[in-house]
N, C-alpha and C. Protein backbone atom coordinates (compact mmCIF):
# COMPACT_ATOMS: atom_id res chain seq x y z
N MET A 1 1.11 13.17 -23.62
CA MET A 1 1.03 13.90 -22.45
C MET A 1 2.64 14.07 -22.01
N GLU A 2 2.83 15.12 -21.39
CA GLU A 2 4.07 15.47 -20.93
C GLU A 2 4.13 14.84 -19.65
N SER A 3 5.56 14.59 -19.29
CA SER A 3 5.87 13.94 -17.94
C SER A 3 5.31 14.94 -16.97
N PRO A 4 4.94 14.30 -15.87
CA PRO A 4 4.45 15.04 -14.78
C PRO A 4 5.34 15.51 -13.86
N THR A 5 5.16 16.29 -13.14
CA THR A 5 6.12 16.79 -11.87
C THR A 5 5.11 17.03 -10.69
N PHE A 6 6.00 16.74 -9.54
CA PHE A 6 5.30 16.89 -8.31
C PHE A 6 6.32 17.37 -7.46
N SER A 7 5.68 17.69 -6.29
CA SER A 7 6.08 18.43 -4.89
C SER A 7 5.47 17.35 -3.91
N LEU A 8 6.34 16.88 -3.30
CA LEU A 8 5.93 16.27 -2.27
C LEU A 8 6.00 16.66 -0.91
N SER A 9 4.89 16.34 -0.03
CA SER A 9 4.74 16.73 1.24
C SER A 9 5.39 15.85 2.16
N GLU A 10 5.54 16.40 3.52
CA GLU A 10 6.30 15.30 4.48
C GLU A 10 5.53 14.07 4.47
N GLN A 11 4.22 14.17 4.38
CA GLN A 11 3.42 12.92 4.68
C GLN A 11 3.73 12.01 3.43
N ASP A 12 3.80 12.47 2.49
CA ASP A 12 4.02 11.85 1.15
C ASP A 12 5.36 11.09 1.30
N LYS A 13 6.23 11.81 1.72
CA LYS A 13 7.47 11.27 2.00
C LYS A 13 7.71 10.07 3.03
N VAL A 14 7.05 10.07 3.85
CA VAL A 14 6.94 9.30 4.90
C VAL A 14 6.16 7.95 4.21
N LEU A 15 5.14 8.00 3.60
CA LEU A 15 4.34 7.27 3.02
C LEU A 15 5.23 6.17 1.96
N LEU A 16 5.93 7.08 1.09
CA LEU A 16 7.01 6.14 0.24
C LEU A 16 7.95 5.43 1.20
N ASN A 17 8.37 6.18 2.22
CA ASN A 17 9.65 5.16 2.76
C ASN A 17 8.94 3.97 3.57
N SER A 18 7.54 3.95 3.59
CA SER A 18 6.93 2.91 4.39
C SER A 18 6.98 1.84 3.44
N PHE A 19 7.27 1.98 2.27
CA PHE A 19 7.16 0.81 1.27
C PHE A 19 8.58 -0.06 1.08
N VAL A 20 9.48 0.99 1.58
CA VAL A 20 10.91 0.26 1.70
C VAL A 20 11.02 -1.18 2.03
N THR A 21 10.51 -1.37 3.42
CA THR A 21 10.49 -3.01 4.08
C THR A 21 9.61 -3.75 3.27
N VAL A 22 8.63 -3.34 2.53
CA VAL A 22 7.86 -4.03 1.86
C VAL A 22 8.63 -4.49 0.49
N ALA A 23 9.33 -3.62 -0.23
CA ALA A 23 9.97 -3.88 -1.31
C ALA A 23 11.24 -5.15 -0.89
N GLU A 24 11.86 -4.69 0.11
CA GLU A 24 12.87 -5.76 0.70
C GLU A 24 12.40 -7.10 0.92
N GLY A 25 11.42 -7.11 1.43
CA GLY A 25 10.58 -8.43 1.80
C GLY A 25 10.51 -9.24 0.56
N VAL A 26 9.85 -8.59 -0.48
CA VAL A 26 9.32 -9.04 -1.77
C VAL A 26 10.67 -9.47 -2.23
N ALA A 27 11.84 -8.77 -2.35
CA ALA A 27 13.09 -9.08 -2.87
C ALA A 27 13.55 -10.31 -2.31
N GLU A 28 13.37 -10.52 -0.87
CA GLU A 28 13.86 -11.78 -0.27
C GLU A 28 13.42 -12.87 -0.47
N PHE A 29 12.07 -12.75 -0.64
CA PHE A 29 10.98 -13.82 -0.71
C PHE A 29 11.24 -14.37 -1.95
N TRP A 30 11.25 -13.63 -3.11
CA TRP A 30 11.57 -14.45 -4.61
C TRP A 30 13.17 -14.56 -4.84
N GLY A 31 13.85 -13.79 -4.26
CA GLY A 31 15.56 -14.50 -4.48
C GLY A 31 16.00 -13.46 -5.41
N ASP A 32 17.43 -13.77 -5.76
CA ASP A 32 18.32 -12.77 -6.44
C ASP A 32 17.81 -12.56 -7.77
N PHE A 33 16.78 -13.34 -8.52
CA PHE A 33 16.20 -13.09 -9.60
C PHE A 33 15.07 -12.01 -9.91
N CYS A 34 14.86 -11.50 -8.74
CA CYS A 34 13.67 -10.37 -8.77
C CYS A 34 14.08 -9.29 -8.04
N GLU A 35 14.00 -8.21 -9.14
CA GLU A 35 14.15 -6.79 -8.62
C GLU A 35 12.77 -6.14 -8.21
N VAL A 36 13.42 -5.42 -7.27
CA VAL A 36 12.18 -4.50 -6.71
C VAL A 36 12.57 -3.08 -6.46
N VAL A 37 11.68 -2.16 -7.08
CA VAL A 37 12.34 -0.77 -7.35
C VAL A 37 10.94 0.19 -6.61
N ILE A 38 11.31 1.26 -5.92
CA ILE A 38 10.53 2.19 -5.52
C ILE A 38 10.80 3.33 -6.10
N HIS A 39 9.96 3.96 -6.96
CA HIS A 39 10.12 5.15 -7.59
C HIS A 39 9.92 6.47 -6.78
N ASN A 40 10.21 7.45 -6.81
CA ASN A 40 10.05 8.93 -6.14
C ASN A 40 9.65 9.86 -7.45
N LEU A 41 8.58 10.20 -7.75
CA LEU A 41 8.36 10.71 -8.75
C LEU A 41 8.27 12.39 -8.70
N GLU A 42 9.02 12.95 -7.77
CA GLU A 42 9.51 14.06 -7.66
C GLU A 42 10.58 14.71 -8.56
N ASN A 43 11.42 13.62 -8.88
CA ASN A 43 12.47 13.76 -9.94
C ASN A 43 12.44 12.76 -10.76
N MET A 44 12.07 12.92 -11.99
CA MET A 44 12.25 11.95 -12.92
C MET A 44 13.27 11.52 -13.27
N ASP A 45 14.59 12.30 -13.08
CA ASP A 45 15.77 12.04 -13.57
C ASP A 45 16.48 11.39 -12.53
N HIS A 46 15.98 11.30 -11.38
CA HIS A 46 16.68 10.48 -10.51
C HIS A 46 15.66 9.73 -9.45
N SER A 47 14.45 9.23 -10.18
CA SER A 47 13.44 8.74 -9.57
C SER A 47 13.56 7.41 -8.73
N VAL A 48 14.48 6.70 -8.89
CA VAL A 48 15.05 5.28 -8.29
C VAL A 48 15.34 5.83 -6.90
N MET A 49 14.24 5.70 -5.99
CA MET A 49 14.95 5.94 -4.58
C MET A 49 15.41 4.97 -3.64
N HIS A 50 14.71 3.50 -4.17
CA HIS A 50 15.36 2.19 -3.53
C HIS A 50 15.13 1.29 -4.44
N ILE A 51 16.27 0.44 -4.50
CA ILE A 51 16.27 -0.83 -5.40
C ILE A 51 17.09 -1.99 -4.82
N PHE A 52 16.29 -2.98 -4.91
CA PHE A 52 16.63 -4.43 -4.42
C PHE A 52 17.11 -5.28 -5.57
N ASN A 53 18.41 -5.81 -5.56
CA ASN A 53 18.84 -6.94 -6.63
C ASN A 53 18.98 -5.89 -7.81
N GLY A 54 19.54 -4.78 -7.98
CA GLY A 54 19.66 -3.90 -8.97
C GLY A 54 20.67 -4.43 -9.81
N HIS A 55 21.45 -5.39 -9.67
CA HIS A 55 22.30 -6.23 -10.30
C HIS A 55 21.70 -6.76 -11.98
N LEU A 56 20.25 -6.76 -11.51
CA LEU A 56 19.46 -7.57 -12.75
C LEU A 56 19.50 -6.50 -13.89
N SER A 57 19.28 -5.35 -13.46
CA SER A 57 19.27 -4.30 -14.59
C SER A 57 20.42 -3.45 -14.81
N GLY A 58 21.39 -3.51 -13.66
CA GLY A 58 22.54 -2.62 -13.59
C GLY A 58 21.95 -1.33 -13.11
N ARG A 59 21.05 -0.90 -12.44
CA ARG A 59 20.57 0.27 -11.83
C ARG A 59 20.97 0.54 -10.54
N GLN A 60 20.95 1.59 -10.10
CA GLN A 60 21.40 2.19 -8.61
C GLN A 60 20.35 3.11 -8.20
N VAL A 61 20.57 3.31 -7.05
CA VAL A 61 19.59 4.74 -6.28
C VAL A 61 19.99 5.73 -7.05
N GLY A 62 19.21 6.62 -7.31
CA GLY A 62 19.19 7.62 -8.29
C GLY A 62 19.19 7.69 -9.86
N ALA A 63 18.89 6.50 -10.03
CA ALA A 63 18.60 6.41 -11.70
C ALA A 63 17.53 6.81 -12.48
N ALA A 64 17.42 7.14 -13.55
CA ALA A 64 16.09 7.99 -13.99
C ALA A 64 15.00 6.95 -14.23
N ILE A 65 13.81 7.37 -14.24
CA ILE A 65 13.00 6.50 -14.60
C ILE A 65 12.83 5.95 -16.01
N SER A 66 12.46 4.91 -16.53
CA SER A 66 12.65 4.24 -17.62
C SER A 66 11.71 4.99 -18.61
N GLU A 67 11.93 4.77 -19.89
CA GLU A 67 10.61 5.22 -20.89
C GLU A 67 9.46 4.64 -20.84
N VAL A 68 9.61 3.20 -20.68
CA VAL A 68 8.67 2.30 -20.48
C VAL A 68 7.68 2.55 -19.43
N THR A 69 8.25 2.71 -17.88
CA THR A 69 7.81 3.03 -16.92
C THR A 69 6.79 4.34 -17.11
N LEU A 70 7.47 5.23 -17.63
CA LEU A 70 7.10 6.69 -17.61
C LEU A 70 5.45 6.40 -18.61
N SER A 71 5.88 5.88 -19.68
CA SER A 71 4.47 5.78 -20.42
C SER A 71 3.49 5.05 -19.75
N PHE A 72 3.54 4.16 -18.90
CA PHE A 72 2.59 3.41 -18.22
C PHE A 72 2.10 4.51 -16.89
N LEU A 73 3.02 5.20 -16.40
CA LEU A 73 2.63 6.00 -15.47
C LEU A 73 1.71 7.19 -16.36
N ASN A 74 1.95 7.50 -17.14
CA ASN A 74 1.01 8.55 -17.96
C ASN A 74 -0.20 7.70 -18.35
N ARG A 75 -0.47 6.49 -18.75
CA ARG A 75 -1.60 5.91 -18.78
C ARG A 75 -2.14 5.78 -17.53
N MET A 76 -1.75 5.65 -16.42
CA MET A 76 -2.34 5.57 -15.10
C MET A 76 -2.85 6.84 -14.56
N MET A 77 -2.35 7.76 -14.86
CA MET A 77 -2.74 9.19 -14.81
C MET A 77 -4.13 9.36 -15.62
N ALA A 78 -3.99 8.88 -16.75
CA ALA A 78 -5.23 9.34 -17.59
C ALA A 78 -6.38 8.64 -17.25
N GLU A 79 -6.05 7.27 -16.71
CA GLU A 79 -7.12 6.51 -16.30
C GLU A 79 -7.31 6.46 -14.81
N PRO A 80 -7.99 7.08 -14.02
CA PRO A 80 -8.09 7.08 -12.76
C PRO A 80 -8.44 5.71 -12.03
N ASN A 81 -8.97 4.97 -12.75
CA ASN A 81 -9.53 3.59 -12.04
C ASN A 81 -8.37 2.45 -12.34
N LEU A 82 -7.28 2.88 -13.31
CA LEU A 82 -6.14 2.02 -13.18
C LEU A 82 -4.92 2.28 -12.41
N ASN A 83 -4.73 1.52 -11.40
CA ASN A 83 -3.79 1.80 -10.69
C ASN A 83 -2.43 0.54 -10.55
N HIS A 84 -2.99 -0.26 -11.24
CA HIS A 84 -1.93 -1.28 -11.12
C HIS A 84 -1.85 -2.27 -12.66
N LEU A 85 -0.78 -2.48 -13.14
CA LEU A 85 -0.48 -3.43 -14.43
C LEU A 85 0.36 -4.30 -14.56
N TYR A 86 0.71 -5.20 -15.43
CA TYR A 86 1.85 -5.88 -15.73
C TYR A 86 2.11 -6.09 -17.08
N TYR A 87 3.33 -6.35 -17.56
CA TYR A 87 3.75 -6.51 -18.80
C TYR A 87 5.19 -7.37 -18.73
N PHE A 88 5.31 -8.09 -20.39
CA PHE A 88 6.33 -8.80 -20.50
C PHE A 88 7.38 -7.85 -21.13
N ALA A 89 8.84 -8.02 -21.12
CA ALA A 89 9.56 -7.19 -21.75
C ALA A 89 10.96 -7.74 -21.80
N LYS A 90 11.96 -7.30 -22.57
CA LYS A 90 13.29 -7.76 -22.60
C LYS A 90 14.35 -6.59 -22.43
N ASN A 91 15.29 -6.79 -21.68
CA ASN A 91 16.41 -5.85 -21.50
C ASN A 91 17.44 -5.96 -22.67
N LYS A 92 18.45 -5.25 -22.46
CA LYS A 92 19.28 -5.02 -23.88
C LYS A 92 19.90 -6.27 -23.97
N ARG A 93 20.18 -7.24 -22.89
CA ARG A 93 21.01 -8.45 -23.00
C ARG A 93 19.85 -9.34 -23.44
N GLY A 94 18.73 -9.08 -24.09
CA GLY A 94 17.74 -10.07 -24.77
C GLY A 94 17.03 -10.88 -23.66
N GLU A 95 17.25 -10.51 -22.20
CA GLU A 95 16.52 -11.30 -21.25
C GLU A 95 15.06 -10.96 -21.06
N THR A 96 14.26 -11.83 -21.03
CA THR A 96 12.79 -11.53 -20.66
C THR A 96 12.40 -11.53 -19.25
N PHE A 97 11.90 -10.60 -18.90
CA PHE A 97 11.09 -10.54 -17.74
C PHE A 97 9.79 -10.05 -17.62
N LYS A 98 9.08 -10.25 -16.56
CA LYS A 98 7.74 -9.87 -16.17
C LYS A 98 7.76 -8.72 -15.15
N SER A 99 6.97 -7.82 -15.57
CA SER A 99 6.83 -6.67 -14.61
C SER A 99 5.77 -6.25 -14.24
N SER A 100 5.86 -5.71 -13.02
CA SER A 100 4.35 -5.28 -12.35
C SER A 100 4.71 -3.85 -11.84
N ILE A 101 3.83 -3.08 -11.87
CA ILE A 101 3.79 -1.58 -11.67
C ILE A 101 2.58 -1.56 -10.76
N SER A 102 2.77 -0.83 -9.74
CA SER A 102 1.68 -0.37 -8.68
C SER A 102 1.80 1.25 -8.53
N ALA A 103 0.86 1.82 -8.63
CA ALA A 103 0.91 3.40 -8.22
C ALA A 103 0.62 3.29 -6.66
N ILE A 104 1.62 4.38 -6.22
CA ILE A 104 1.59 4.87 -4.52
C ILE A 104 1.01 6.21 -4.83
N VAL A 105 -0.34 6.23 -4.30
CA VAL A 105 -0.91 7.53 -4.17
C VAL A 105 -0.75 8.15 -2.91
N GLY A 106 -0.78 9.57 -3.12
CA GLY A 106 -0.35 10.52 -1.76
C GLY A 106 -1.46 11.11 -1.34
N GLU A 107 -1.39 11.98 -0.36
CA GLU A 107 -2.43 12.51 0.49
C GLU A 107 -3.52 13.15 -0.37
N ASN A 108 -3.06 13.76 -1.55
CA ASN A 108 -4.26 14.55 -2.27
C ASN A 108 -4.60 13.72 -3.24
N GLY A 109 -4.43 12.48 -3.34
CA GLY A 109 -4.99 11.62 -4.37
C GLY A 109 -4.24 11.51 -5.63
N THR A 110 -3.13 12.06 -5.81
CA THR A 110 -2.25 11.89 -6.92
C THR A 110 -1.43 10.76 -6.94
N ILE A 111 -0.70 10.38 -7.82
CA ILE A 111 0.18 9.31 -7.79
C ILE A 111 1.77 10.08 -7.37
N ILE A 112 2.32 9.27 -6.42
CA ILE A 112 3.65 10.29 -6.14
C ILE A 112 4.68 9.15 -6.30
N GLY A 113 4.33 7.83 -6.51
CA GLY A 113 5.41 6.95 -6.81
C GLY A 113 5.15 5.54 -7.09
N LEU A 114 6.18 4.78 -7.64
CA LEU A 114 5.54 3.55 -8.25
C LEU A 114 6.37 2.52 -7.43
N PHE A 115 5.63 1.36 -7.39
CA PHE A 115 5.91 0.02 -6.55
C PHE A 115 6.40 -0.98 -7.76
N CYS A 116 7.60 -1.38 -8.27
CA CYS A 116 7.68 -1.95 -9.49
C CYS A 116 8.43 -3.38 -8.96
N ILE A 117 8.04 -4.60 -9.69
CA ILE A 117 8.56 -5.87 -9.36
C ILE A 117 9.10 -6.45 -10.66
N ASN A 118 10.23 -6.54 -10.90
CA ASN A 118 10.47 -7.25 -12.14
C ASN A 118 11.30 -8.53 -11.97
N LEU A 119 10.69 -9.69 -12.58
CA LEU A 119 10.71 -11.10 -12.57
C LEU A 119 11.44 -11.45 -13.63
N TYR A 120 12.86 -11.82 -13.43
CA TYR A 120 13.77 -12.32 -14.72
C TYR A 120 13.60 -13.76 -14.88
N LEU A 121 12.87 -14.08 -15.89
CA LEU A 121 12.24 -15.45 -16.51
C LEU A 121 13.55 -16.20 -16.71
N ALA A 122 14.34 -15.51 -17.18
CA ALA A 122 15.80 -16.28 -18.03
C ALA A 122 16.44 -17.04 -16.82
N SER A 123 16.27 -16.69 -15.65
CA SER A 123 16.96 -17.32 -14.35
C SER A 123 16.70 -18.81 -14.43
N PRO A 124 17.78 -19.66 -14.01
CA PRO A 124 17.60 -21.25 -14.16
C PRO A 124 16.60 -21.54 -13.38
N ILE A 125 15.84 -22.63 -13.73
CA ILE A 125 14.65 -22.99 -12.64
C ILE A 125 15.17 -23.53 -11.43
N SER A 126 16.51 -24.20 -11.72
CA SER A 126 16.97 -24.56 -10.23
C SER A 126 17.08 -23.63 -9.18
N ALA A 127 17.48 -22.07 -9.55
CA ALA A 127 17.38 -20.85 -8.81
C ALA A 127 16.07 -20.63 -7.98
N LEU A 128 15.10 -20.83 -8.60
CA LEU A 128 13.51 -20.67 -8.08
C LEU A 128 13.43 -21.73 -7.11
N ILE A 129 13.81 -22.99 -7.61
CA ILE A 129 13.50 -24.25 -6.78
C ILE A 129 14.31 -24.04 -5.50
N GLN A 130 15.69 -23.60 -5.38
CA GLN A 130 16.48 -23.34 -4.50
C GLN A 130 15.82 -22.28 -3.50
N CYS A 131 15.25 -21.37 -3.95
CA CYS A 131 14.61 -20.05 -3.28
C CYS A 131 13.50 -20.76 -2.53
N MET A 132 12.59 -21.71 -3.11
CA MET A 132 11.42 -21.85 -2.25
C MET A 132 11.82 -23.08 -1.46
N THR A 133 12.99 -23.69 -1.28
CA THR A 133 13.48 -24.85 -0.48
C THR A 133 14.24 -24.59 0.64
N PRO A 134 14.00 -24.76 1.74
CA PRO A 134 14.76 -24.63 2.92
C PRO A 134 16.29 -25.13 2.80
N GLU A 135 17.12 -24.24 3.01
CA GLU A 135 18.48 -24.87 2.95
C GLU A 135 19.06 -25.76 3.67
N ASP A 136 18.28 -25.88 4.72
CA ASP A 136 18.50 -27.18 5.74
C ASP A 136 17.34 -27.45 6.30
N ASN A 137 16.68 -28.43 5.92
CA ASN A 137 15.48 -28.85 6.68
C ASN A 137 15.37 -29.11 8.12
N THR A 138 16.67 -29.32 8.47
CA THR A 138 16.92 -29.77 10.18
C THR A 138 16.73 -28.51 10.81
N LYS A 139 17.11 -27.54 10.14
CA LYS A 139 16.96 -26.04 10.85
C LYS A 139 15.89 -25.05 11.05
N GLN A 140 14.75 -25.87 10.03
CA GLN A 140 13.60 -25.11 9.84
C GLN A 140 12.42 -25.26 11.18
N GLU A 141 11.83 -24.32 11.40
CA GLU A 141 11.00 -24.52 12.56
C GLU A 141 9.95 -25.24 11.93
N ASN A 142 9.18 -26.26 12.67
CA ASN A 142 8.02 -27.08 12.23
C ASN A 142 6.63 -26.13 12.30
N ILE A 143 6.32 -25.12 11.51
CA ILE A 143 5.42 -24.16 11.39
C ILE A 143 4.25 -24.59 10.89
N SER A 144 2.94 -24.78 11.66
CA SER A 144 1.70 -25.07 10.87
C SER A 144 0.91 -23.91 11.24
N GLU A 145 0.26 -23.46 10.07
CA GLU A 145 -0.18 -22.01 10.25
C GLU A 145 -1.91 -22.36 9.77
N THR A 146 -2.89 -21.66 10.57
CA THR A 146 -4.30 -22.18 10.48
C THR A 146 -5.04 -20.83 10.31
N PHE A 147 -5.80 -20.88 9.17
CA PHE A 147 -6.60 -19.39 8.69
C PHE A 147 -8.05 -19.56 9.45
N VAL A 148 -8.29 -18.56 9.98
CA VAL A 148 -9.67 -18.46 10.74
C VAL A 148 -10.37 -17.57 10.17
N GLU A 149 -11.70 -17.50 10.54
CA GLU A 149 -12.84 -16.43 10.15
C GLU A 149 -12.93 -15.18 10.78
N ASN A 150 -12.34 -15.42 12.36
CA ASN A 150 -12.61 -14.16 13.14
C ASN A 150 -11.56 -14.55 14.31
N THR A 151 -11.32 -13.10 14.88
CA THR A 151 -10.32 -13.23 15.98
C THR A 151 -10.71 -14.03 17.35
N THR A 152 -12.08 -14.14 17.41
CA THR A 152 -12.61 -15.26 18.28
C THR A 152 -12.02 -16.66 18.14
N GLU A 153 -12.29 -16.93 16.91
CA GLU A 153 -11.59 -18.29 16.50
C GLU A 153 -10.12 -18.81 16.66
N LEU A 154 -9.57 -17.33 16.34
CA LEU A 154 -7.88 -17.41 16.35
C LEU A 154 -7.67 -17.31 17.80
N MET A 155 -8.29 -16.92 18.74
CA MET A 155 -7.77 -17.06 20.25
C MET A 155 -8.11 -18.43 20.67
N LEU A 156 -9.15 -18.88 20.27
CA LEU A 156 -9.61 -20.42 20.96
C LEU A 156 -8.80 -21.27 20.22
N HIS A 157 -8.40 -21.30 18.95
CA HIS A 157 -7.33 -22.00 18.33
C HIS A 157 -5.98 -21.96 19.11
N ALA A 158 -5.63 -20.95 19.28
CA ALA A 158 -4.42 -20.62 20.08
C ALA A 158 -4.38 -21.20 21.29
N LEU A 159 -5.62 -21.05 22.15
CA LEU A 159 -5.79 -21.61 23.29
C LEU A 159 -5.58 -22.97 23.54
N GLU A 160 -6.20 -23.90 22.62
CA GLU A 160 -6.31 -25.22 22.31
C GLU A 160 -5.02 -25.69 22.19
N GLU A 161 -4.16 -24.97 21.09
CA GLU A 161 -2.91 -25.37 21.09
C GLU A 161 -1.86 -25.39 22.27
N ALA A 162 -2.13 -24.13 23.15
CA ALA A 162 -1.42 -24.12 24.43
C ALA A 162 -1.69 -24.70 25.38
N LYS A 163 -2.81 -25.27 25.60
CA LYS A 163 -3.26 -26.25 26.39
C LYS A 163 -2.88 -27.81 26.17
N LYS A 164 -2.62 -28.07 24.85
CA LYS A 164 -2.06 -29.56 24.56
C LYS A 164 -0.55 -29.29 24.77
N THR A 165 -0.05 -28.16 24.36
CA THR A 165 1.42 -28.19 24.91
C THR A 165 1.62 -28.27 26.52
N VAL A 166 0.81 -27.42 27.37
CA VAL A 166 1.36 -27.59 28.66
C VAL A 166 0.69 -28.62 29.36
N TYR A 167 -0.45 -29.41 28.79
CA TYR A 167 -1.00 -30.53 29.60
C TYR A 167 -0.26 -31.82 29.22
N SER A 168 0.63 -31.91 28.26
CA SER A 168 1.49 -32.73 27.60
C SER A 168 2.66 -32.57 28.28
N ASN A 169 2.84 -31.73 29.20
CA ASN A 169 4.27 -31.53 29.87
C ASN A 169 4.13 -31.71 31.25
N LEU A 170 4.75 -32.94 31.78
CA LEU A 170 4.54 -33.58 33.26
C LEU A 170 5.14 -32.78 34.24
N SER A 171 6.11 -31.99 33.66
CA SER A 171 7.15 -31.40 34.68
C SER A 171 6.17 -29.97 35.35
N ILE A 172 5.41 -29.75 34.57
CA ILE A 172 4.14 -28.36 34.70
C ILE A 172 3.26 -28.63 36.00
N SER A 173 3.33 -28.39 37.41
CA SER A 173 2.58 -28.92 38.21
C SER A 173 1.08 -28.27 38.02
N SER A 174 0.14 -28.82 38.56
CA SER A 174 -1.18 -28.57 38.16
C SER A 174 -1.66 -27.16 38.52
N SER A 175 -1.10 -26.66 39.33
CA SER A 175 -1.27 -25.17 39.96
C SER A 175 -0.48 -23.95 39.04
N ASN A 176 0.27 -24.67 38.25
CA ASN A 176 1.04 -23.64 37.27
C ASN A 176 0.53 -23.48 35.71
N LYS A 177 -0.37 -24.52 35.55
CA LYS A 177 -0.82 -25.04 34.12
C LYS A 177 -1.46 -23.74 33.48
N ASN A 178 -2.35 -23.17 34.19
CA ASN A 178 -3.02 -21.85 33.64
C ASN A 178 -1.90 -20.79 33.46
N LYS A 179 -1.08 -20.49 34.36
CA LYS A 179 0.05 -19.33 34.35
C LYS A 179 0.83 -19.69 33.29
N GLU A 180 1.23 -21.16 32.65
CA GLU A 180 1.73 -21.45 31.71
C GLU A 180 1.09 -21.05 30.38
N ILE A 181 -0.20 -21.63 30.25
CA ILE A 181 -1.30 -21.31 29.01
C ILE A 181 -1.11 -19.86 28.73
N VAL A 182 -1.24 -19.14 29.80
CA VAL A 182 -1.52 -17.64 29.41
C VAL A 182 0.10 -17.11 28.83
N SER A 183 1.12 -17.62 29.51
CA SER A 183 2.39 -17.36 29.30
C SER A 183 2.57 -17.62 27.66
N ILE A 184 2.12 -18.67 27.39
CA ILE A 184 2.42 -19.09 25.73
C ILE A 184 1.65 -18.17 24.81
N LEU A 185 0.39 -17.79 25.39
CA LEU A 185 -0.51 -16.93 24.57
C LEU A 185 -0.15 -15.68 24.55
N PHE A 186 0.59 -15.10 25.47
CA PHE A 186 1.24 -13.49 25.80
C PHE A 186 2.65 -13.79 24.70
N GLN A 187 2.92 -14.61 24.62
CA GLN A 187 4.29 -14.73 23.83
C GLN A 187 3.75 -14.64 22.30
N LYS A 188 2.38 -15.25 22.09
CA LYS A 188 2.16 -15.13 20.82
C LYS A 188 1.27 -14.06 20.35
N GLY A 189 1.39 -13.12 21.37
CA GLY A 189 0.60 -11.80 20.98
C GLY A 189 -1.02 -11.62 21.05
N ILE A 190 -1.45 -12.82 21.54
CA ILE A 190 -2.82 -13.22 21.43
C ILE A 190 -3.67 -11.91 22.61
N PHE A 191 -2.87 -11.58 23.48
CA PHE A 191 -3.32 -10.51 24.31
C PHE A 191 -3.45 -9.11 23.89
N ASN A 192 -2.88 -8.96 22.46
CA ASN A 192 -3.25 -7.73 21.83
C ASN A 192 -4.43 -7.65 21.35
N LEU A 193 -5.29 -8.56 21.10
CA LEU A 193 -6.56 -8.59 20.41
C LEU A 193 -7.69 -8.11 21.20
N LYS A 194 -8.54 -7.35 20.65
CA LYS A 194 -9.78 -7.02 21.52
C LYS A 194 -10.77 -8.21 22.35
N ASP A 195 -10.89 -8.06 23.61
CA ASP A 195 -11.61 -8.85 24.49
C ASP A 195 -10.71 -10.26 24.66
N SER A 196 -9.44 -10.30 24.59
CA SER A 196 -8.94 -11.48 24.70
C SER A 196 -8.87 -12.09 25.94
N VAL A 197 -8.43 -11.13 26.95
CA VAL A 197 -8.40 -11.47 28.21
C VAL A 197 -9.69 -12.20 28.89
N ILE A 198 -11.03 -11.46 28.58
CA ILE A 198 -12.09 -12.06 29.01
C ILE A 198 -12.59 -13.37 28.24
N THR A 199 -12.27 -13.40 26.97
CA THR A 199 -12.35 -14.80 26.16
C THR A 199 -11.61 -15.82 26.90
N ILE A 200 -10.21 -15.62 27.09
CA ILE A 200 -9.22 -16.89 27.53
C ILE A 200 -9.73 -16.95 29.05
N ALA A 201 -10.10 -16.13 29.84
CA ALA A 201 -10.56 -16.14 31.22
C ALA A 201 -11.76 -17.24 31.20
N GLU A 202 -12.80 -17.00 30.50
CA GLU A 202 -13.95 -17.65 30.42
C GLU A 202 -13.62 -18.90 30.03
N HIS A 203 -12.80 -19.35 28.95
CA HIS A 203 -12.52 -20.76 28.58
C HIS A 203 -11.67 -21.65 29.32
N LEU A 204 -10.74 -20.63 30.40
CA LEU A 204 -9.99 -21.39 31.15
C LEU A 204 -10.67 -21.69 32.55
N GLY A 205 -11.51 -21.05 32.86
CA GLY A 205 -12.58 -21.07 34.02
C GLY A 205 -11.84 -20.39 35.07
N ILE A 206 -11.25 -19.36 34.82
CA ILE A 206 -10.60 -18.40 35.82
C ILE A 206 -11.14 -17.04 35.54
N SER A 207 -10.76 -16.20 36.50
CA SER A 207 -11.24 -14.64 36.42
C SER A 207 -10.20 -14.07 35.46
N LYS A 208 -10.91 -12.80 35.23
CA LYS A 208 -10.16 -12.15 34.23
C LYS A 208 -9.02 -11.54 35.02
N ASN A 209 -9.38 -11.17 36.09
CA ASN A 209 -8.15 -10.66 37.30
C ASN A 209 -6.88 -11.38 37.49
N THR A 210 -7.41 -13.03 37.35
CA THR A 210 -6.23 -13.98 37.47
C THR A 210 -5.47 -13.71 36.10
N VAL A 211 -6.08 -13.86 35.15
CA VAL A 211 -5.19 -13.74 33.88
C VAL A 211 -4.19 -12.23 33.54
N TYR A 212 -4.92 -11.28 34.19
CA TYR A 212 -4.11 -9.96 34.07
C TYR A 212 -2.91 -9.99 35.22
N MET A 213 -3.35 -10.53 36.56
CA MET A 213 -2.02 -10.87 37.13
C MET A 213 -1.01 -11.69 36.51
N HIS A 214 -1.16 -12.56 35.64
CA HIS A 214 -0.49 -13.23 35.33
C HIS A 214 0.33 -12.53 33.98
N ILE A 215 -0.29 -11.83 33.38
CA ILE A 215 0.35 -10.79 32.26
C ILE A 215 1.11 -9.79 32.83
N ARG A 216 0.60 -9.22 34.09
CA ARG A 216 1.36 -8.28 34.85
C ARG A 216 2.93 -8.76 35.29
N ASN A 217 2.77 -9.86 35.85
CA ASN A 217 4.17 -10.80 36.21
C ASN A 217 4.99 -10.87 35.19
N MET A 218 4.56 -11.33 33.90
CA MET A 218 5.56 -11.39 32.46
C MET A 218 5.79 -9.90 32.13
N ASN A 219 5.07 -9.08 32.49
CA ASN A 219 5.75 -7.66 31.96
C ASN A 219 6.74 -6.99 33.10
N LYS A 220 6.81 -7.96 34.04
CA LYS A 220 7.99 -7.22 35.24
C LYS A 220 9.25 -7.52 34.60
């Protein structure tokens, strides 16, 4: 199959650019031994539009698509249900890496880009451990994350945590406790959820107008 050519719409370009922050986040999460590449397939000779940790392969923005990546692209184009795959390979230095290729589909349903992750397995295991370990435990936030079934459960869990914080603080007067609870929930973004004001008001035993008043005061 011949190499495909593309003409991207403005919406396609916006879509491709939306993956940049995701690529950067993945690269930062895995560390210096993980290369993340976004290919823009409009020009195969210069398909690499963004690359993070490019020192691993020696590539830079503007580099051409590789032969292996192109072959997998052609395979994905020939098999409509195939939009993601992974493989193991070696670079010229003999270093083994595991690669993931995901299709980025444009507004007309065709593949306009590729999101690629290359994890270099020859990296010292100490590097992986260091990446997954806080540099200084004394400076890390004590974060406890609870996964819930729905947003109502999320609201109520956040409410209970806020109540514990406020009720245990003896410096907060009884008349200001609800205000402080609403403030904590506001800072957590709980009031961006549908029906949150009504739900919180009901469980605090106050009117929704009171909740709205506290929110307005915080927005000033």
